[in-house]
Amino acid sequence: MKKNYIGIREARINLSRLIRDVRDGMEIIITDRGIPVAKIVPADGQSLSLEERLKNFESCGLIEPGPQVKEPVGSPIELPREFTEQHIRKEGDREESDHE
């Protein structure tokens, strides 16, 4: 991988160009008064699963873990159309009687 050394001030001014260079495979070394202090390298984020990316965000403190689900939620149950229509009518009848 090709490396490019650049000072902090120049990096700040040219960040968009540096990101393009990194996308093209270049490694950028940022220096402070000639001493390397940081590195910008291509990210491998695309190869991580959603679960791995969420764990990374949690470990960095960017998000908090949600409640743990002990059992996976099953698939929705498809009801017969007649049952659904009857249920809706009954609910509508109840609402009308509540308002009287």
C-alpha atoms as a PDB file:
ATOM      1  CA  MET A   1       0.000   0.000   0.000  1.00  0.00           C
ATOM      2  CA  LYS A   2       1.375   3.381  -0.993  1.00  0.00           C
ATOM      3  CA  LYS A   3       1.954   5.824   1.898  1.00  0.00           C
ATOM      4  CA  ASN A   4       1.681   9.590   1.932  1.00  0.00           C
ATOM      5  CA  TYR A   5       2.918  11.781   4.815  1.00  0.00           C
ATOM      6  CA  ILE A   6       1.069  15.035   5.409  1.00  0.00           C
ATOM      7  CA  GLY A   7       1.023  17.660   8.151  1.00  0.00           C
ATOM      8  CA  ILE A   8      -2.057  18.314  10.320  1.00  0.00           C
ATOM      9  CA  ARG A   9      -2.775  21.746   8.828  1.00  0.00           C
ATOM     10  CA  GLU A  10      -2.539  20.510   5.238  1.00  0.00           C
ATOM     11  CA  ALA A  11      -4.638  17.436   6.098  1.00  0.00           C
ATOM     12  CA  ARG A  12      -7.388  19.641   7.534  1.00  0.00           C
ATOM     13  CA  ILE A  13      -7.451  21.787   4.397  1.00  0.00           C
ATOM     14  CA  ASN A  14      -7.359  18.823   1.981  1.00  0.00           C
ATOM     15  CA  LEU A  15      -9.419  16.218   3.852  1.00  0.00           C
ATOM     16  CA  SER A  16     -11.793  15.505   0.938  1.00  0.00           C
ATOM     17  CA  ARG A  17      -8.874  14.815  -1.399  1.00  0.00           C
ATOM     18  CA  LEU A  18      -7.195  12.618   1.225  1.00  0.00           C
ATOM     19  CA  ILE A  19     -10.359  10.553   1.649  1.00  0.00           C
ATOM     20  CA  ARG A  20     -10.503  10.017  -2.130  1.00  0.00           C
ATOM     21  CA  ASP A  21      -6.855   8.886  -2.040  1.00  0.00           C
ATOM     22  CA  VAL A  22      -7.620   6.462   0.801  1.00  0.00           C
ATOM     23  CA  ARG A  23     -10.584   5.050  -1.131  1.00  0.00           C
ATOM     24  CA  ASP A  24      -8.137   4.396  -3.968  1.00  0.00           C
ATOM     25  CA  GLY A  25      -5.968   2.334  -1.602  1.00  0.00           C
ATOM     26  CA  MET A  26      -3.467   4.890  -0.285  1.00  0.00           C
ATOM     27  CA  GLU A  27      -2.451   5.045   3.375  1.00  0.00           C
ATOM     28  CA  ILE A  28      -2.166   8.590   4.787  1.00  0.00           C
ATOM     29  CA  ILE A  29       0.185   9.274   7.717  1.00  0.00           C
ATOM     30  CA  ILE A  30      -0.602  12.548   9.520  1.00  0.00           C
ATOM     31  CA  THR A  31       2.328  14.265  11.181  1.00  0.00           C
ATOM     32  CA  ASP A  32       2.618  16.919  13.871  1.00  0.00           C
ATOM     33  CA  ARG A  33       5.844  18.868  13.404  1.00  0.00           C
ATOM     34  CA  GLY A  34       7.250  15.984  11.381  1.00  0.00           C
ATOM     35  CA  ILE A  35       6.324  13.253  13.905  1.00  0.00           C
ATOM     36  CA  PRO A  36       3.723  10.672  12.776  1.00  0.00           C
ATOM     37  CA  VAL A  37       0.665  10.892  15.048  1.00  0.00           C
ATOM     38  CA  ALA A  38      -2.225   9.345  13.091  1.00  0.00           C
ATOM     39  CA  LYS A  39      -3.010   7.136  10.143  1.00  0.00           C
ATOM     40  CA  ILE A  40      -5.938   7.105   7.700  1.00  0.00           C
ATOM     41  CA  VAL A  41      -6.406   3.734   6.016  1.00  0.00           C
ATOM     42  CA  PRO A  42      -9.201   2.158   3.955  1.00  0.00           C
ATOM     43  CA  ALA A  43     -12.014   0.825   6.140  1.00  0.00           C
ATOM     44  CA  ASP A  44     -13.149  -2.779   6.033  1.00  0.00           C
ATOM     45  CA  GLY A  45     -16.632  -1.830   7.275  1.00  0.00           C
ATOM     46  CA  GLN A  46     -18.375  -3.356   4.277  1.00  0.00           C
ATOM     47  CA  SER A  47     -17.230  -6.848   5.223  1.00  0.00           C
ATOM     48  CA  LEU A  48     -18.595  -6.620   8.791  1.00  0.00           C
ATOM     49  CA  SER A  49     -22.031  -7.985   9.557  1.00  0.00           C
ATOM     50  CA  LEU A  50     -24.669  -5.692  11.022  1.00  0.00           C
ATOM     51  CA  GLU A  51     -24.225  -7.362  14.415  1.00  0.00           C
ATOM     52  CA  GLU A  52     -20.438  -6.755  14.326  1.00  0.00           C
ATOM     53  CA  ARG A  53     -20.896  -3.092  13.344  1.00  0.00           C
ATOM     54  CA  LEU A  54     -23.401  -2.582  16.182  1.00  0.00           C
ATOM     55  CA  LYS A  55     -20.968  -4.160  18.666  1.00  0.00           C
ATOM     56  CA  ASN A  56     -18.255  -1.784  17.422  1.00  0.00           C
ATOM     57  CA  PHE A  57     -20.567   1.216  17.922  1.00  0.00           C
ATOM     58  CA  GLU A  58     -21.449  -0.027  21.425  1.00  0.00           C
ATOM     59  CA  SER A  59     -17.791  -0.498  22.376  1.00  0.00           C
ATOM     60  CA  CYS A  60     -17.022   3.065  21.226  1.00  0.00           C
ATOM     61  CA  GLY A  61     -19.936   4.433  23.249  1.00  0.00           C
ATOM     62  CA  LEU A  62     -21.776   5.696  20.167  1.00  0.00           C
ATOM     63  CA  ILE A  63     -24.881   3.643  21.002  1.00  0.00           C
ATOM     64  CA  GLU A  64     -26.167   1.807  24.048  1.00  0.00           C
ATOM     65  CA  PRO A  65     -27.097  -1.867  23.908  1.00  0.00           C
ATOM     66  CA  GLY A  66     -30.825  -2.528  23.691  1.00  0.00           C
ATOM     67  CA  PRO A  67     -32.752  -5.024  25.797  1.00  0.00           C
ATOM     68  CA  GLN A  68     -31.709  -8.615  25.257  1.00  0.00           C
ATOM     69  CA  VAL A  69     -34.350 -10.769  23.569  1.00  0.00           C
ATOM     70  CA  LYS A  70     -34.277 -14.301  24.984  1.00  0.00           C
ATOM     71  CA  GLU A  71     -36.357 -15.943  22.280  1.00  0.00           C
ATOM     72  CA  PRO A  72     -36.603 -14.892  18.656  1.00  0.00           C
ATOM     73  CA  VAL A  73     -39.954 -13.492  17.613  1.00  0.00           C
ATOM     74  CA  GLY A  74     -41.821 -15.844  15.319  1.00  0.00           C
ATOM     75  CA  SER A  75     -43.291 -15.104  11.930  1.00  0.00           C
ATOM     76  CA  PRO A  76     -46.645 -13.321  11.763  1.00  0.00           C
ATOM     77  CA  ILE A  77     -49.666 -15.598  11.680  1.00  0.00           C
ATOM     78  CA  GLU A  78     -51.841 -15.122   8.649  1.00  0.00           C
ATOM     79  CA  LEU A  79     -55.519 -15.090   9.590  1.00  0.00           C
ATOM     80  CA  PRO A  80     -58.341 -15.975   7.241  1.00  0.00           C
ATOM     81  CA  ARG A  81     -59.836 -12.880   5.653  1.00  0.00           C
ATOM     82  CA  GLU A  82     -63.327 -13.666   7.001  1.00  0.00           C
ATOM     83  CA  PHE A  83     -62.025 -13.771  10.571  1.00  0.00           C
ATOM     84  CA  THR A  84     -60.304 -10.403  10.171  1.00  0.00           C
ATOM     85  CA  GLU A  85     -63.389  -8.738   8.674  1.00  0.00           C
ATOM     86  CA  GLN A  86     -65.624 -10.104  11.455  1.00  0.00           C
ATOM     87  CA  HIS A  87     -63.186  -8.871  14.095  1.00  0.00           C
ATOM     88  CA  ILE A  88     -63.113  -5.384  12.577  1.00  0.00           C
ATOM     89  CA  ARG A  89     -66.918  -5.246  12.492  1.00  0.00           C
ATOM     90  CA  LYS A  90     -67.131  -6.323  16.155  1.00  0.00           C
ATOM     91  CA  GLU A  91     -64.582  -3.662  17.164  1.00  0.00           C
ATOM     92  CA  GLY A  92     -66.547  -1.027  15.237  1.00  0.00           C
ATOM     93  CA  ASP A  93     -69.792  -2.095  16.938  1.00  0.00           C
ATOM     94  CA  ARG A  94     -68.111  -1.804  20.359  1.00  0.00           C
ATOM     95  CA  GLU A  95     -66.840   1.698  19.624  1.00  0.00           C
ATOM     96  CA  GLU A  96     -70.309   2.832  18.508  1.00  0.00           C
ATOM     97  CA  SER A  97     -71.937   1.467  21.660  1.00  0.00           C
ATOM     98  CA  ASP A  98     -69.282   3.169  23.824  1.00  0.00           C
ATOM     99  CA  HIS A  99     -70.156   6.556  22.330  1.00  0.00           C
ATOM    100  CA  GLU A 100     -73.921   6.235  22.905  1.00  0.00           C
END
